[in-house]
């Protein structure tokens, strides 16, 4: 069984959290105050920008987790 360094599970959790945020920013929401940049009322009014930021954050967490904290 592989042993993982301290902080691996935290970064894995953050990766999962950011991945969920990627999807939830694009969900249509009729109660949104104004349409997003994609032209519809999304859960997040900064939809394409916030989605890309969440993608970058999830990717950074993956890279850090794999490069620095893997038990290989």
N, C-alpha and C. Protein backbone atom coordinates (compact mmCIF):
# COMPACT_ATOMS: atom_id res chain seq x y z
N UNK A 1 0.84 -1.18 0.00
CA UNK A 1 0.00 0.00 0.00
C UNK A 1 0.88 1.25 0.00
N UNK A 2 0.51 2.19 -0.82
CA UNK A 2 1.28 3.44 -0.90
C UNK A 2 1.05 4.29 0.33
N UNK A 3 2.11 4.93 0.77
CA UNK A 3 1.96 5.92 1.84
C UNK A 3 2.04 7.29 1.20
N UNK A 4 1.15 8.15 1.62
CA UNK A 4 1.09 9.49 1.06
C UNK A 4 1.55 10.49 2.10
N UNK A 5 2.16 11.54 1.60
CA UNK A 5 2.67 12.58 2.49
C UNK A 5 1.54 13.41 3.08
N UNK A 6 1.86 14.09 4.17
CA UNK A 6 0.89 14.95 4.84
C UNK A 6 0.43 16.05 3.88
N UNK A 7 -0.86 16.27 3.83
CA UNK A 7 -1.42 17.30 2.97
C UNK A 7 -1.99 16.77 1.67
N UNK A 8 -1.71 15.51 1.34
CA UNK A 8 -2.20 14.93 0.09
C UNK A 8 -3.72 14.92 0.06
N UNK A 9 -4.34 14.46 1.15
CA UNK A 9 -5.80 14.38 1.19
C UNK A 9 -6.45 15.76 1.14
N UNK A 10 -5.81 16.76 1.73
CA UNK A 10 -6.32 18.12 1.66
C UNK A 10 -6.34 18.61 0.21
N UNK A 11 -5.24 18.40 -0.49
CA UNK A 11 -5.18 18.84 -1.89
C UNK A 11 -6.13 18.04 -2.77
N UNK A 12 -6.32 16.77 -2.46
CA UNK A 12 -7.29 15.96 -3.20
C UNK A 12 -8.69 16.50 -2.97
N UNK A 13 -9.00 16.86 -1.74
CA UNK A 13 -10.30 17.45 -1.43
C UNK A 13 -10.52 18.77 -2.14
N UNK A 14 -9.48 19.59 -2.19
CA UNK A 14 -9.59 20.87 -2.91
C UNK A 14 -9.78 20.66 -4.40
N UNK A 15 -9.12 19.66 -4.96
CA UNK A 15 -9.30 19.34 -6.38
C UNK A 15 -10.75 18.95 -6.65
N UNK A 16 -11.31 18.12 -5.78
CA UNK A 16 -12.70 17.71 -5.95
C UNK A 16 -13.64 18.90 -5.79
N UNK A 17 -13.37 19.75 -4.82
CA UNK A 17 -14.19 20.94 -4.60
C UNK A 17 -14.18 21.86 -5.82
N UNK A 18 -13.00 22.14 -6.34
CA UNK A 18 -12.92 23.00 -7.53
C UNK A 18 -13.58 22.34 -8.74
N UNK A 19 -13.51 21.02 -8.85
CA UNK A 19 -14.17 20.32 -9.95
C UNK A 19 -15.68 20.46 -9.86
N UNK A 20 -16.21 20.39 -8.65
CA UNK A 20 -17.65 20.59 -8.47
C UNK A 20 -18.03 22.02 -8.80
N UNK A 21 -17.17 22.97 -8.42
CA UNK A 21 -17.44 24.38 -8.72
C UNK A 21 -17.46 24.63 -10.23
N UNK A 22 -16.64 23.92 -10.99
CA UNK A 22 -16.62 24.07 -12.44
C UNK A 22 -18.01 23.80 -13.01
N UNK A 23 -18.63 22.73 -12.54
CA UNK A 23 -19.95 22.35 -13.05
C UNK A 23 -21.03 23.30 -12.54
N UNK A 24 -20.98 23.64 -11.26
CA UNK A 24 -22.06 24.45 -10.69
C UNK A 24 -22.08 25.89 -11.22
N UNK A 25 -20.98 26.40 -11.69
CA UNK A 25 -21.01 27.76 -12.24
C UNK A 25 -21.82 27.84 -13.53
N UNK A 26 -21.97 26.74 -14.22
CA UNK A 26 -22.67 26.74 -15.51
C UNK A 26 -24.13 26.33 -15.43
N UNK A 27 -24.61 25.95 -14.25
CA UNK A 27 -26.00 25.49 -14.10
C UNK A 27 -26.95 26.67 -14.30
N UNK A 28 -27.97 26.50 -15.15
CA UNK A 28 -28.96 27.56 -15.33
C UNK A 28 -29.74 27.83 -14.04
N UNK A 29 -29.99 29.12 -13.77
CA UNK A 29 -30.72 29.52 -12.57
C UNK A 29 -31.62 30.70 -12.93
N UNK A 30 -32.92 30.46 -13.04
CA UNK A 30 -33.83 31.54 -13.45
C UNK A 30 -33.91 32.69 -12.44
N UNK A 31 -33.50 32.45 -11.20
CA UNK A 31 -33.57 33.53 -10.21
C UNK A 31 -32.32 34.41 -10.18
N UNK A 32 -31.40 34.20 -11.11
CA UNK A 32 -30.19 35.02 -11.18
C UNK A 32 -30.56 36.46 -11.53
N UNK A 33 -29.80 37.40 -10.98
CA UNK A 33 -30.14 38.81 -11.16
C UNK A 33 -29.91 39.30 -12.59
N UNK A 34 -28.90 38.78 -13.27
CA UNK A 34 -28.65 39.19 -14.65
C UNK A 34 -28.05 38.02 -15.41
N UNK A 35 -28.13 38.05 -16.73
CA UNK A 35 -27.57 36.94 -17.51
C UNK A 35 -26.04 36.92 -17.45
N UNK A 36 -25.49 35.75 -17.58
CA UNK A 36 -24.03 35.62 -17.61
C UNK A 36 -23.50 36.03 -18.98
N UNK A 37 -22.20 35.98 -19.13
CA UNK A 37 -21.59 36.37 -20.40
C UNK A 37 -21.92 35.41 -21.54
N UNK A 38 -22.44 34.24 -21.21
CA UNK A 38 -22.84 33.27 -22.24
C UNK A 38 -24.26 33.53 -22.74
N UNK A 39 -24.98 34.45 -22.10
CA UNK A 39 -26.28 34.86 -22.59
C UNK A 39 -27.48 34.27 -21.88
N UNK A 40 -27.30 33.45 -20.88
CA UNK A 40 -28.43 32.90 -20.13
C UNK A 40 -28.23 33.16 -18.65
N UNK A 41 -29.27 32.99 -17.88
CA UNK A 41 -29.20 33.20 -16.43
C UNK A 41 -28.59 31.96 -15.79
N UNK A 42 -27.31 32.05 -15.44
CA UNK A 42 -26.59 30.93 -14.85
C UNK A 42 -26.49 31.11 -13.34
N UNK A 43 -26.13 30.04 -12.67
CA UNK A 43 -25.93 30.06 -11.21
C UNK A 43 -24.90 31.13 -10.84
N UNK A 44 -23.88 31.29 -11.66
CA UNK A 44 -22.85 32.31 -11.45
C UNK A 44 -22.90 33.28 -12.62
N UNK A 45 -23.07 34.56 -12.34
CA UNK A 45 -23.19 35.53 -13.43
C UNK A 45 -21.86 35.79 -14.14
N UNK A 46 -20.75 35.34 -13.57
CA UNK A 46 -19.45 35.48 -14.22
C UNK A 46 -19.06 34.15 -14.88
N UNK A 47 -20.04 33.44 -15.41
CA UNK A 47 -19.91 32.03 -15.80
C UNK A 47 -18.65 31.65 -16.57
N UNK A 48 -18.35 32.14 -17.72
CA UNK A 48 -17.17 31.56 -18.38
C UNK A 48 -15.87 31.92 -17.68
N UNK A 49 -15.82 33.09 -17.07
CA UNK A 49 -14.59 33.52 -16.39
C UNK A 49 -14.37 32.71 -15.12
N UNK A 50 -15.42 32.57 -14.31
CA UNK A 50 -15.29 31.81 -13.07
C UNK A 50 -15.04 30.34 -13.33
N UNK A 51 -15.57 29.82 -14.43
CA UNK A 51 -15.34 28.43 -14.79
C UNK A 51 -13.87 28.20 -15.13
N UNK A 52 -13.29 29.10 -15.88
CA UNK A 52 -11.88 28.98 -16.24
C UNK A 52 -10.99 29.12 -15.01
N UNK A 53 -11.33 30.04 -14.11
CA UNK A 53 -10.55 30.21 -12.88
C UNK A 53 -10.61 28.94 -12.04
N UNK A 54 -11.79 28.34 -11.93
CA UNK A 54 -11.92 27.09 -11.17
C UNK A 54 -11.15 25.96 -11.84
N UNK A 55 -11.13 25.94 -13.18
CA UNK A 55 -10.35 24.93 -13.90
C UNK A 55 -8.86 25.08 -13.62
N UNK A 56 -8.39 26.32 -13.64
CA UNK A 56 -6.98 26.57 -13.35
C UNK A 56 -6.63 26.17 -11.92
N UNK A 57 -7.51 26.46 -10.98
CA UNK A 57 -7.27 26.10 -9.58
C UNK A 57 -7.25 24.59 -9.41
N UNK A 58 -8.19 23.88 -10.04
CA UNK A 58 -8.22 22.42 -9.94
C UNK A 58 -6.97 21.82 -10.58
N UNK A 59 -6.56 22.37 -11.70
CA UNK A 59 -5.34 21.89 -12.36
C UNK A 59 -4.10 22.13 -11.53
N UNK A 60 -4.04 23.29 -10.89
CA UNK A 60 -2.89 23.59 -10.03
C UNK A 60 -2.84 22.64 -8.83
N UNK A 61 -4.00 22.36 -8.25
CA UNK A 61 -4.03 21.42 -7.12
C UNK A 61 -3.58 20.03 -7.56
N UNK A 62 -3.99 19.62 -8.75
CA UNK A 62 -3.58 18.31 -9.29
C UNK A 62 -2.07 18.27 -9.49
N UNK A 63 -1.53 19.31 -10.09
CA UNK A 63 -0.09 19.33 -10.34
C UNK A 63 0.71 19.31 -9.04
N UNK A 64 0.31 20.13 -8.09
CA UNK A 64 1.02 20.17 -6.81
C UNK A 64 0.93 18.82 -6.12
N UNK A 65 -0.27 18.27 -6.12
CA UNK A 65 -0.49 16.98 -5.45
C UNK A 65 0.34 15.88 -6.08
N UNK A 66 0.39 15.85 -7.39
CA UNK A 66 1.12 14.79 -8.08
C UNK A 66 2.64 14.98 -8.05
N UNK A 67 3.10 16.20 -8.16
CA UNK A 67 4.54 16.46 -8.20
C UNK A 67 5.18 16.43 -6.83
N UNK A 68 4.55 17.06 -5.86
CA UNK A 68 5.19 17.25 -4.57
C UNK A 68 4.82 16.21 -3.52
N UNK A 69 3.60 15.69 -3.57
CA UNK A 69 3.11 14.91 -2.46
C UNK A 69 2.82 13.44 -2.76
N UNK A 70 3.05 13.00 -3.98
CA UNK A 70 2.81 11.60 -4.28
C UNK A 70 3.83 10.73 -3.56
N UNK A 71 3.39 9.57 -3.17
CA UNK A 71 4.28 8.67 -2.45
C UNK A 71 5.04 7.73 -3.36
N UNK A 72 5.39 8.18 -4.53
CA UNK A 72 6.10 7.28 -5.47
C UNK A 72 7.59 7.34 -5.33
